[in-house]
Amino acid sequence: MALPRPTTIPVSLLGLVVLVTLATIYSLLTRQRPYAGFPVTTLGEKGIKAWLLPHMSWMFRPLEIRAKGRELSSGSNIYQIATGAGYRIVLPRKFADELRNHKDLDFSTSAARDFHVTQPGFDSMREGLRPDGLMVDVVRVKLTQSLGLVTQDVVEESKFSIDEWFGDHKEWSTFEIKQALLDIVARVSTRVFAGTDLARNKEYIHIAKENTVSLFTGAATLHQIPALLRPIAVWFIPHCRNLRKQVADARRLLASQVRKSQESATQVDQKSSKTADAFRWMMDIAKGRPINFVAGQLMLSMAAIHTTTEMTTRAMMQCCQAPEIVDELRKEIIRVLKEDGWAKTALYKMKLLDSFLSEVSRCYPMGIGGMGRYTKREIELSDGTILPGGSLVMVENDGPGDAEAFPEPEKFDAYRFLKMRERPGEETRHQFVTTTPSNMLFGHGQHACPGRFFASNEIKILFCFLLLQYDWRYEPGYVPPKNVYSEMQITVPPNVQVQCRRRQPEIDLMDPKEVK
């Protein structure tokens, strides 16, 4: 009887096994160690997965990690956690003002580690974090200075996209509100940044939406892989493959618009400051420096879509949960638009709406922490705590439970911030765009989101159309699913359902100002 032939292992497979093994050993030997002097928070995980990937608890169980960290910190509430980007020191909110403008703290390095900016496909984040701050200046200078100029574009695209999504149904109809608003916000933002044609181009809007999702999901997936293997894994992870395809497809779709903007820039009789064209804005700010127009455009979309969609979704859910505020919001919107139309002053005068949005942000934060920073050198805090140079830090965001800043913090009060603004000398404080240690929706300090003024205007204009054109509710008996927690982020599940029906608005929203 013939003996069985010995099994042979293909050389390529053997080579892959050896490579993965060596890379894993190298990652374990060279990976970052915890910072001395700060308790390391774990949930007692054991086994090979906990050894190789100690940050998985922070990714999937961040609230438990935070509670455990506070317990271990002996009252200081200073501890460290293992994250996909490395160990990060967590500080209590009381240090937020002390650190917000600190010269030795760097935002870009911290964010670059979170979003793998050296990897292919992460082009938008790489452009947004470039050392010369080009895209930050595009938003801070050009977009903010053009808020009045772009208002009509936001109004027109809000009307168009909301009508197309929710229609003229006189009976209650059910929608997945976050999915609808994701599409609407993508269209409205694209109208401002890239023009009407691309805002109505379904392929480009799909890219703008999916690139934002792929960016966050791809980054989180890469964090689950040892650092040395990430340059290899990035070519195989589905969301990372999607990122590269989205960049390539966006380059094809944006080519003609980029060309038109470059041609118009050569015409000296045109003033770019009077043009709502993000490509022209990039050229003006760059002053001859190289520009990745496609990555810049995707960065603008990502920055606008994520926060605006989440915030508007939460605000609409609050209207369904406590509809008694809706009539008061409608009255204010009608009064202001009758007086000012869509003038620059109108949105500022909607102070109850501003207060309502601030309270939604306070009660339903988008993260359990914020102010992610990298220490360029050793920093001594006011209590004597020493933050090592080269460390990652963040500040806890526990604003909803801040009884010192907000009496009865567990209560939702749509008038809370309006009443705070009525105090003598505080009329211009406590606005939705104001960053504070108790409310870090837009960050805090010198690295606060420069696009928050545009985001605020966009959300308010969307709300005007949503509230005046439709009634909203949860279907009787419906209980919305709980929020999703992943690392610092808190997101609304994509399948939250609401119902709406068409109503007759009291004013013509496209021409609301009364003629006197």
Protein backbone atom coordinates (compact mmCIF):
# COMPACT_ATOMS: atom_id res chain seq x y z
CA MET A 1 0.00 0.00 0.00
CA ALA A 2 1.33 3.39 -0.98
CA LEU A 3 2.14 5.77 1.82
CA PRO A 4 0.32 9.16 1.79
CA ARG A 5 2.37 11.97 0.32
CA PRO A 6 3.39 14.64 2.84
CA THR A 7 1.34 17.84 2.72
CA THR A 8 3.24 20.80 1.35
CA ILE A 9 2.59 24.40 2.27
CA PRO A 10 2.77 26.91 -0.60
CA VAL A 11 5.78 29.17 -0.27
CA SER A 12 3.60 32.29 -0.64
CA LEU A 13 1.36 31.23 2.25
CA LEU A 14 4.32 30.32 4.41
CA GLY A 15 5.89 33.69 3.64
CA LEU A 16 2.68 35.49 4.62
CA VAL A 17 2.50 33.60 7.93
CA VAL A 18 6.12 34.45 8.70
CA LEU A 19 5.56 38.10 7.77
CA VAL A 20 2.46 38.43 9.97
CA THR A 21 4.22 36.68 12.86
CA LEU A 22 7.30 38.88 12.64
CA ALA A 23 5.21 42.02 12.26
CA THR A 24 3.11 41.12 15.28
CA ILE A 25 6.20 40.42 17.40
CA TYR A 26 7.78 43.69 16.25
CA SER A 27 4.59 45.62 17.07
CA LEU A 28 4.49 44.13 20.54
CA LEU A 29 8.15 44.93 21.19
CA THR A 30 8.00 48.49 19.88
CA ARG A 31 4.46 49.55 20.74
CA GLN A 32 3.90 52.53 22.98
CA ARG A 33 3.98 51.86 26.71
CA PRO A 34 1.64 53.53 29.24
CA TYR A 35 2.70 56.90 30.67
CA ALA A 36 4.23 56.67 34.14
CA GLY A 37 2.19 58.09 37.01
CA PHE A 38 -1.31 57.69 35.57
CA PRO A 39 -3.56 54.68 36.32
CA VAL A 40 -4.21 52.54 33.25
CA THR A 41 -7.88 51.74 32.78
CA THR A 42 -8.86 48.24 31.73
CA LEU A 43 -11.93 46.10 32.26
CA GLY A 44 -9.94 43.05 33.27
CA GLU A 45 -9.85 41.47 29.83
CA LYS A 46 -7.62 38.45 29.39
CA GLY A 47 -6.30 36.35 26.55
CA ILE A 48 -4.42 36.94 23.33
CA LYS A 49 -6.86 39.57 22.02
CA ALA A 50 -6.51 41.73 25.14
CA TRP A 51 -2.72 41.35 24.91
CA LEU A 52 -2.47 42.26 21.22
CA LEU A 53 -5.22 44.88 21.09
CA PRO A 54 -5.63 46.44 24.56
CA HIS A 55 -7.69 49.32 23.13
CA MET A 56 -10.70 47.23 22.09
CA SER A 57 -12.57 47.98 25.32
CA TRP A 58 -12.31 51.72 24.64
CA MET A 59 -13.64 51.15 21.15
CA PHE A 60 -16.71 49.17 22.17
CA ARG A 61 -17.27 49.91 25.89
CA PRO A 62 -16.16 53.53 26.42
CA LEU A 63 -18.68 54.38 29.16
CA GLU A 64 -17.46 51.48 31.27
CA ILE A 65 -13.86 52.50 30.65
CA ARG A 66 -14.64 56.06 31.77
CA ALA A 67 -16.37 54.87 34.94
CA LYS A 68 -13.48 52.54 35.75
CA GLY A 69 -10.96 55.31 35.12
CA ARG A 70 -12.69 57.64 37.54
CA GLU A 71 -12.75 54.87 40.12
CA LEU A 72 -9.01 54.19 39.75
CA SER A 73 -7.96 57.83 39.80
CA SER A 74 -8.52 58.33 43.55
CA GLY A 75 -10.58 61.48 43.15
CA SER A 76 -8.35 63.29 40.65
CA ASN A 77 -10.32 61.97 37.66
CA ILE A 78 -7.04 61.82 35.73
CA TYR A 79 -6.29 58.45 34.19
CA GLN A 80 -5.14 56.94 30.90
CA ILE A 81 -6.78 54.67 28.37
CA ALA A 82 -5.47 52.44 25.59
CA THR A 83 -6.76 53.70 22.23
CA GLY A 84 -6.07 52.66 18.67
CA ALA A 85 -3.80 55.69 18.31
CA GLY A 86 -1.86 54.89 21.48
CA TYR A 87 -2.28 55.55 25.19
CA ARG A 88 -4.16 58.77 25.93
CA ILE A 89 -4.32 60.69 29.21
CA VAL A 90 -7.87 61.70 30.15
CA LEU A 91 -8.35 64.95 32.08
CA PRO A 92 -11.45 66.24 33.86
CA ARG A 93 -13.41 69.10 32.35
CA LYS A 94 -12.04 71.62 34.87
CA PHE A 95 -8.81 71.78 32.83
CA ALA A 96 -10.54 72.66 29.55
CA ASP A 97 -10.08 76.44 29.83
CA GLU A 98 -6.52 76.03 31.07
CA LEU A 99 -5.59 73.98 27.99
CA ARG A 100 -7.80 75.47 25.29
CA ASN A 101 -5.16 77.89 23.94
CA HIS A 102 -2.00 76.29 25.31
CA LYS A 103 0.95 76.92 22.99
CA ASP A 104 2.46 73.49 23.64
CA LEU A 105 -0.62 71.51 22.62
CA ASP A 106 -1.09 70.43 19.02
CA PHE A 107 -4.38 69.33 17.48
CA SER A 108 -3.15 68.15 14.07
CA THR A 109 -0.72 65.52 15.37
CA SER A 110 -3.41 64.03 17.58
CA ALA A 111 -5.99 63.92 14.78
CA ALA A 112 -3.43 62.55 12.30
CA ARG A 113 -2.87 59.54 14.56
CA ASP A 114 -6.61 58.99 14.86
CA PHE A 115 -7.18 59.08 11.10
CA HIS A 116 -4.09 57.43 9.57
CA VAL A 117 -3.30 60.38 7.31
CA THR A 118 -0.23 58.65 5.84
CA GLN A 119 -2.34 55.84 4.39
CA PRO A 120 -3.80 55.91 0.85
CA GLY A 121 -7.48 56.84 0.71
CA PHE A 122 -7.40 59.13 3.74
CA ASP A 123 -6.69 62.06 1.42
CA SER A 124 -9.38 64.38 2.77
CA MET A 125 -8.12 64.22 6.34
CA ARG A 126 -4.53 64.56 5.17
CA GLU A 127 -5.41 67.74 3.27
CA GLY A 128 -7.42 69.07 6.20
CA LEU A 129 -4.49 68.57 8.58
CA ARG A 130 -1.67 69.82 6.34
CA PRO A 131 0.93 71.75 8.35
CA ASP A 132 0.30 75.08 6.62
CA GLY A 133 -3.36 75.02 7.68
CA LEU A 134 -4.63 75.83 4.18
CA MET A 135 -8.07 74.20 4.51
CA VAL A 136 -8.57 75.59 8.00
CA ASP A 137 -7.99 79.08 6.57
CA VAL A 138 -10.36 78.38 3.66
CA VAL A 139 -13.13 77.68 6.18
CA ARG A 140 -12.16 80.26 8.80
CA VAL A 141 -11.65 83.12 6.35
CA LYS A 142 -13.45 82.47 3.09
CA LEU A 143 -16.48 80.44 4.19
CA THR A 144 -17.17 82.48 7.32
CA GLN A 145 -16.87 85.76 5.43
CA SER A 146 -19.26 84.42 2.77
CA LEU A 147 -22.10 83.40 5.10
CA GLY A 148 -24.40 86.13 3.78
CA LEU A 149 -23.43 85.34 0.20
CA VAL A 150 -24.25 81.62 0.45
CA THR A 151 -27.54 81.97 2.38
CA GLN A 152 -29.69 81.97 -0.75
CA ASP A 153 -27.97 78.82 -2.01
CA VAL A 154 -28.68 77.08 1.32
CA VAL A 155 -32.31 78.23 1.25
CA GLU A 156 -32.91 77.08 -2.33
CA GLU A 157 -31.25 73.68 -1.92
CA SER A 158 -32.96 73.09 1.44
CA LYS A 159 -36.34 73.68 -0.18
CA PHE A 160 -35.53 71.49 -3.17
CA SER A 161 -34.09 68.53 -1.28
CA ILE A 162 -36.60 68.55 1.60
CA ASP A 163 -39.53 68.65 -0.82
CA GLU A 164 -38.04 65.79 -2.81
CA TRP A 165 -37.46 63.67 0.28
CA PHE A 166 -40.65 64.20 2.28
CA GLY A 167 -43.06 65.13 -0.51
CA ASP A 168 -46.66 66.32 -0.17
CA HIS A 169 -48.09 63.47 1.90
CA LYS A 170 -51.16 64.65 3.82
CA GLU A 171 -51.20 61.44 5.86
CA TRP A 172 -48.52 60.34 8.30
CA SER A 173 -45.58 58.74 6.48
CA THR A 174 -42.58 57.00 8.04
CA PHE A 175 -38.95 57.86 7.28
CA GLU A 176 -35.52 56.92 8.61
CA ILE A 177 -34.77 60.49 9.59
CA LYS A 178 -30.99 60.24 9.83
CA GLN A 179 -30.68 58.72 6.36
CA ALA A 180 -32.93 61.42 4.92
CA LEU A 181 -31.05 64.24 6.63
CA LEU A 182 -27.68 62.78 5.63
CA ASP A 183 -28.73 63.08 1.99
CA ILE A 184 -30.27 66.54 2.44
CA VAL A 185 -27.24 67.94 4.27
CA ALA A 186 -24.89 66.48 1.66
CA ARG A 187 -26.84 68.20 -1.11
CA VAL A 188 -27.07 71.55 0.66
CA SER A 189 -23.38 71.56 1.61
CA THR A 190 -22.34 70.53 -1.90
CA ARG A 191 -24.44 73.36 -3.37
CA VAL A 192 -22.33 75.82 -1.36
CA PHE A 193 -18.94 74.19 -1.93
CA ALA A 194 -19.22 72.89 -5.50
CA GLY A 195 -22.31 74.36 -7.18
CA THR A 196 -25.81 73.30 -8.21
CA ASP A 197 -24.85 70.73 -10.84
CA LEU A 198 -22.86 68.60 -8.41
CA ALA A 199 -25.48 69.08 -5.67
CA ARG A 200 -28.01 67.44 -8.02
CA ASN A 201 -25.55 64.77 -9.23
CA LYS A 202 -26.58 61.54 -7.48
CA GLU A 203 -23.23 59.85 -8.04
CA TYR A 204 -21.30 62.71 -6.44
CA ILE A 205 -23.74 63.04 -3.51
CA HIS A 206 -23.36 59.31 -2.90
CA ILE A 207 -19.57 59.79 -2.79
CA ALA A 208 -19.84 62.77 -0.43
CA LYS A 209 -22.01 60.78 1.98
CA GLU A 210 -20.17 57.48 1.80
CA ASN A 211 -16.72 59.06 2.03
CA THR A 212 -17.63 60.44 5.45
CA VAL A 213 -18.87 57.02 6.62
CA SER A 214 -15.91 55.16 5.11
CA LEU A 215 -13.43 57.58 6.68
CA PHE A 216 -14.62 57.00 10.24
CA THR A 217 -15.27 53.27 9.82
CA GLY A 218 -12.03 52.65 7.94
CA ALA A 219 -10.03 54.47 10.60
CA ALA A 220 -11.70 52.48 13.38
CA THR A 221 -11.07 49.19 11.54
CA LEU A 222 -7.38 49.97 11.03
CA HIS A 223 -7.07 50.65 14.75
CA GLN A 224 -7.95 46.99 15.33
CA ILE A 225 -4.78 45.90 13.52
CA PRO A 226 -1.19 46.05 14.86
CA ALA A 227 0.46 49.25 13.64
CA LEU A 228 3.16 47.60 11.52
CA LEU A 229 0.55 45.65 9.54
CA ARG A 230 -1.66 48.64 8.77
CA PRO A 231 0.14 49.66 5.54
CA ILE A 232 -0.64 46.16 4.25
CA ALA A 233 -4.14 45.84 5.72
CA VAL A 234 -5.26 49.17 4.26
CA TRP A 235 -5.26 47.57 0.79
CA PHE A 236 -7.69 44.84 1.84
CA ILE A 237 -10.11 46.40 4.33
CA PRO A 238 -13.39 47.07 2.44
CA HIS A 239 -13.94 50.59 3.82
CA CYS A 240 -10.35 51.54 2.99
CA ARG A 241 -10.76 50.21 -0.55
CA ASN A 242 -13.95 52.27 -0.77
CA LEU A 243 -12.03 55.39 0.27
CA ARG A 244 -9.56 55.01 -2.59
CA LYS A 245 -12.34 54.42 -5.12
CA GLN A 246 -14.29 57.41 -3.82
CA VAL A 247 -11.27 59.67 -4.24
CA ALA A 248 -10.75 58.44 -7.80
CA ASP A 249 -14.44 58.84 -8.70
CA ALA A 250 -14.58 62.30 -7.13
CA ARG A 251 -11.53 63.35 -9.14
CA ARG A 252 -13.34 62.38 -12.35
CA LEU A 253 -16.57 64.17 -11.40
CA LEU A 254 -14.88 67.33 -10.12
CA ALA A 255 -12.45 67.77 -13.01
CA SER A 256 -14.60 70.07 -15.13
CA GLN A 257 -15.60 72.26 -12.17
CA VAL A 258 -11.99 72.62 -11.08
CA ARG A 259 -11.03 73.60 -14.61
CA LYS A 260 -13.79 76.23 -14.79
CA SER A 261 -12.70 77.74 -11.48
CA GLN A 262 -9.07 77.86 -12.56
CA GLU A 263 -10.04 79.57 -15.83
CA SER A 264 -12.23 82.12 -14.07
CA ALA A 265 -9.42 82.89 -11.61
CA THR A 266 -7.33 84.20 -14.52
CA GLN A 267 -9.97 86.80 -15.35
CA VAL A 268 -8.84 89.81 -13.37
CA ASP A 269 -12.23 91.51 -13.60
CA GLN A 270 -13.83 88.90 -11.32
CA LYS A 271 -13.66 89.27 -7.56
CA SER A 272 -13.40 85.85 -5.89
CA SER A 273 -14.50 87.38 -2.59
CA LYS A 274 -17.91 87.86 -4.19
CA THR A 275 -18.06 84.30 -5.50
CA ALA A 276 -19.41 81.26 -3.63
CA ASP A 277 -16.86 78.85 -5.08
CA ALA A 278 -14.75 76.71 -2.74
CA PHE A 279 -12.23 75.97 -5.51
CA ARG A 280 -11.60 79.70 -5.92
CA TRP A 281 -11.36 80.05 -2.16
CA MET A 282 -8.64 77.40 -2.08
CA MET A 283 -6.67 79.18 -4.82
CA ASP A 284 -6.96 82.55 -3.06
CA ILE A 285 -5.73 81.17 0.25
CA ALA A 286 -3.00 78.99 -1.31
CA LYS A 287 -1.31 81.91 -3.10
CA GLY A 288 0.57 79.55 -5.38
CA ARG A 289 1.06 76.69 -2.93
CA PRO A 290 0.09 73.23 -4.26
CA ILE A 291 -3.58 72.30 -3.76
CA ASN A 292 -5.28 68.91 -3.79
CA PHE A 293 -8.68 70.20 -4.94
CA VAL A 294 -10.41 66.81 -4.70
CA ALA A 295 -9.16 66.06 -1.18
CA GLY A 296 -10.02 69.61 -0.12
CA GLN A 297 -13.55 69.28 -1.45
CA LEU A 298 -14.06 65.92 0.28
CA MET A 299 -12.69 67.41 3.50
CA LEU A 300 -15.23 70.25 3.35
CA SER A 301 -18.02 67.73 2.75
CA MET A 302 -16.90 65.50 5.60
CA ALA A 303 -16.63 68.39 8.05
CA ALA A 304 -20.04 69.79 7.08
CA ILE A 305 -21.99 66.56 6.76
CA HIS A 306 -21.06 64.67 9.93
CA THR A 307 -21.81 67.21 12.66
CA THR A 308 -24.73 68.89 10.87
CA THR A 309 -26.50 65.59 10.18
CA GLU A 310 -26.05 64.31 13.72
CA MET A 311 -27.14 67.58 15.30
CA THR A 312 -30.20 68.08 13.09
CA THR A 313 -31.25 64.46 13.65
CA ARG A 314 -31.09 64.86 17.43
CA ALA A 315 -33.04 68.13 17.26
CA MET A 316 -35.79 66.52 15.17
CA MET A 317 -35.96 63.59 17.58
CA GLN A 318 -36.41 66.05 20.46
CA CYS A 319 -39.30 67.69 18.58
CA CYS A 320 -40.93 64.26 18.28
CA GLN A 321 -40.26 63.43 21.92
CA ALA A 322 -41.50 66.76 23.35
CA PRO A 323 -43.64 68.41 20.62
CA GLU A 324 -44.91 71.20 22.91
CA ILE A 325 -41.93 73.38 21.90
CA VAL A 326 -42.66 73.17 18.16
CA ASP A 327 -45.40 75.82 18.07
CA GLU A 328 -43.20 78.32 19.92
CA LEU A 329 -40.32 77.68 17.53
CA ARG A 330 -42.66 78.17 14.57
CA LYS A 331 -43.94 81.46 15.94
CA GLU A 332 -40.43 82.83 16.29
CA ILE A 333 -39.39 81.67 12.81
CA ILE A 334 -42.48 83.24 11.22
CA ARG A 335 -42.05 86.54 13.08
CA VAL A 336 -38.36 86.89 12.25
CA LEU A 337 -38.68 85.91 8.59
CA LYS A 338 -41.59 88.32 8.12
CA GLU A 339 -39.43 91.12 9.51
CA ASP A 340 -36.06 90.34 7.93
CA GLY A 341 -36.58 87.71 5.26
CA TRP A 342 -33.38 85.76 4.75
CA ALA A 343 -31.18 88.76 5.57
CA LYS A 344 -27.97 88.23 7.51
CA THR A 345 -29.65 89.36 10.72
CA ALA A 346 -32.53 86.88 10.57
CA LEU A 347 -30.84 83.74 11.87
CA TYR A 348 -29.22 85.66 14.72
CA LYS A 349 -32.66 86.89 15.82
CA MET A 350 -33.99 83.32 16.15
CA LYS A 351 -32.86 83.21 19.76
CA LEU A 352 -35.30 80.57 20.98
CA LEU A 353 -34.24 78.26 18.15
CA ASP A 354 -30.62 78.97 19.06
CA SER A 355 -31.34 78.14 22.71
CA PHE A 356 -33.22 74.98 21.73
CA LEU A 357 -30.28 73.74 19.66
CA SER A 358 -27.85 74.53 22.48
CA GLU A 359 -29.97 72.53 24.90
CA VAL A 360 -30.17 69.60 22.49
CA SER A 361 -26.39 69.67 22.25
CA ARG A 362 -26.04 69.84 26.04
CA CYS A 363 -28.45 66.99 26.77
CA TYR A 364 -27.41 64.76 23.88
CA PRO A 365 -23.66 65.30 23.33
CA MET A 366 -21.89 63.81 20.33
CA GLY A 367 -18.96 62.60 22.39
CA ILE A 368 -17.90 61.62 25.90
CA GLY A 369 -14.66 63.50 25.40
CA GLY A 370 -13.08 66.17 23.28
CA MET A 371 -10.09 68.46 22.82
CA GLY A 372 -7.81 65.67 21.62
CA ARG A 373 -4.28 67.09 21.70
CA TYR A 374 -0.61 66.11 21.46
CA THR A 375 1.84 67.61 23.96
CA LYS A 376 4.85 69.06 22.13
CA ARG A 377 6.78 69.22 25.39
CA GLU A 378 6.24 68.60 29.10
CA ILE A 379 3.33 70.61 30.55
CA GLU A 380 2.63 71.32 34.23
CA LEU A 381 -1.05 71.80 35.08
CA SER A 382 -2.34 74.18 37.74
CA ASP A 383 -2.70 71.36 40.27
CA GLY A 384 0.90 70.23 39.76
CA THR A 385 0.12 67.32 37.43
CA ILE A 386 2.87 66.83 34.84
CA LEU A 387 1.81 65.83 31.32
CA PRO A 388 4.78 64.14 29.59
CA GLY A 389 6.07 65.59 26.36
CA GLY A 390 4.96 63.55 23.34
CA SER A 391 1.77 62.32 25.02
CA LEU A 392 -1.80 62.26 23.75
CA VAL A 393 -4.43 63.89 25.97
CA MET A 394 -8.17 64.55 25.92
CA VAL A 395 -10.75 66.24 28.14
CA GLU A 396 -13.88 64.55 29.43
CA ASN A 397 -17.20 65.94 28.26
CA ASP A 398 -19.77 65.45 31.01
CA GLY A 399 -21.73 68.66 30.40
CA PRO A 400 -25.19 67.06 30.74
CA GLY A 401 -24.59 66.40 34.42
CA ASP A 402 -23.00 69.75 35.30
CA ALA A 403 -25.23 70.97 38.12
CA GLU A 404 -22.96 73.96 38.84
CA ALA A 405 -23.34 75.41 35.35
CA PHE A 406 -26.90 74.23 34.72
CA PRO A 407 -29.53 74.03 37.49
CA GLU A 408 -31.62 70.86 37.17
CA PRO A 409 -29.26 69.47 34.54
CA GLU A 410 -31.38 66.36 34.03
CA LYS A 411 -34.26 68.50 32.74
CA PHE A 412 -34.56 69.53 29.08
CA ASP A 413 -35.32 73.26 29.01
CA ALA A 414 -35.54 74.78 25.53
CA TYR A 415 -35.45 78.27 27.10
CA ARG A 416 -32.37 77.59 29.26
CA PHE A 417 -29.79 79.40 27.13
CA LEU A 418 -32.25 82.13 26.12
CA LYS A 419 -32.74 83.00 29.80
CA MET A 420 -28.97 82.97 30.31
CA ARG A 421 -28.58 85.49 27.47
CA GLU A 422 -31.14 87.77 29.16
CA ARG A 423 -28.78 88.38 32.06
CA PRO A 424 -27.20 91.86 32.01
CA GLY A 425 -23.95 91.85 30.06
CA GLU A 426 -24.45 88.33 28.70
CA GLU A 427 -26.60 89.10 25.66
CA THR A 428 -24.00 87.82 23.18
CA ARG A 429 -22.86 84.86 25.26
CA HIS A 430 -24.36 81.35 25.54
CA GLN A 431 -25.01 81.04 21.80
CA PHE A 432 -25.15 77.75 19.91
CA VAL A 433 -21.76 78.51 18.31
CA THR A 434 -20.18 79.43 21.66
CA THR A 435 -17.73 76.81 22.87
CA THR A 436 -17.47 76.13 26.60
CA PRO A 437 -16.05 73.38 28.82
CA SER A 438 -19.65 72.24 29.39
CA ASN A 439 -20.53 71.99 25.72
CA MET A 440 -17.81 70.91 23.30
CA LEU A 441 -19.93 70.09 20.25
CA PHE A 442 -17.57 72.23 18.17
CA GLY A 443 -14.49 71.67 20.33
CA HIS A 444 -13.08 74.43 22.52
CA GLY A 445 -10.32 77.00 22.27
CA GLN A 446 -8.08 77.93 19.36
CA HIS A 447 -8.75 74.62 17.59
CA ALA A 448 -12.54 74.86 17.84
CA CYS A 449 -14.31 74.01 14.59
CA PRO A 450 -13.87 77.02 12.26
CA GLY A 451 -16.95 75.98 10.27
CA ARG A 452 -19.35 76.14 13.21
CA PHE A 453 -20.90 79.43 12.06
CA PHE A 454 -21.82 77.94 8.69
CA ALA A 455 -23.05 74.74 10.36
CA SER A 456 -25.27 76.76 12.71
CA ASN A 457 -26.81 78.73 9.83
CA GLU A 458 -27.36 75.57 7.79
CA ILE A 459 -29.08 73.76 10.67
CA LYS A 460 -31.34 76.73 11.39
CA ILE A 461 -32.39 77.14 7.75
CA LEU A 462 -33.13 73.42 7.49
CA PHE A 463 -35.20 73.68 10.65
CA CYS A 464 -37.26 76.54 9.21
CA PHE A 465 -38.34 74.37 6.30
CA LEU A 466 -38.76 71.17 8.30
CA LEU A 467 -40.96 72.76 10.98
CA LEU A 468 -43.04 75.07 8.83
CA GLN A 469 -43.71 72.61 6.00
CA TYR A 470 -44.32 69.45 8.09
CA ASP A 471 -45.74 68.07 11.32
CA TRP A 472 -43.51 65.53 13.06
CA ARG A 473 -44.01 62.71 15.56
CA TYR A 474 -42.94 59.25 16.60
CA GLU A 475 -45.41 56.57 15.58
CA PRO A 476 -47.55 55.83 18.68
CA GLY A 477 -45.79 53.22 20.80
CA TYR A 478 -42.47 53.57 18.98
CA VAL A 479 -39.33 53.55 21.12
CA PRO A 480 -36.23 54.81 19.23
CA PRO A 481 -33.10 52.64 19.47
CA LYS A 482 -30.34 53.68 21.84
CA ASN A 483 -27.35 55.70 20.71
CA VAL A 484 -24.16 53.97 19.59
CA TYR A 485 -20.97 54.52 21.60
CA SER A 486 -17.55 54.00 20.01
CA GLU A 487 -14.44 55.50 21.55
CA MET A 488 -15.19 59.22 22.09
CA GLN A 489 -18.10 59.30 19.65
CA ILE A 490 -21.81 59.04 20.39
CA THR A 491 -23.95 58.62 17.27
CA VAL A 492 -27.63 58.22 16.51
CA PRO A 493 -28.41 54.81 14.95
CA PRO A 494 -29.11 55.07 11.21
CA ASN A 495 -32.47 53.31 11.49
CA VAL A 496 -34.27 55.76 13.80
CA GLN A 497 -37.77 56.29 12.39
CA VAL A 498 -40.03 59.33 12.58
CA GLN A 499 -43.31 60.22 10.90
CA CYS A 500 -44.25 63.42 9.11
CA ARG A 501 -47.12 64.89 7.14
CA ARG A 502 -47.34 68.00 5.01
CA ARG A 503 -48.80 71.16 6.48
CA GLN A 504 -49.52 74.57 4.96
CA PRO A 505 -46.76 76.99 6.00
CA GLU A 506 -47.95 80.35 7.29
CA ILE A 507 -45.52 82.23 5.04
CA ASP A 508 -43.87 81.77 1.66
CA LEU A 509 -40.47 80.51 2.75
CA MET A 510 -38.87 81.46 -0.55
CA ASP A 511 -40.01 85.08 -0.18
CA PRO A 512 -41.03 85.51 3.47
CA LYS A 513 -40.45 89.21 4.12
CA GLU A 514 -43.57 91.34 4.37
CA VAL A 515 -43.70 94.39 2.14
CA LYS A 516 -44.47 97.49 4.18
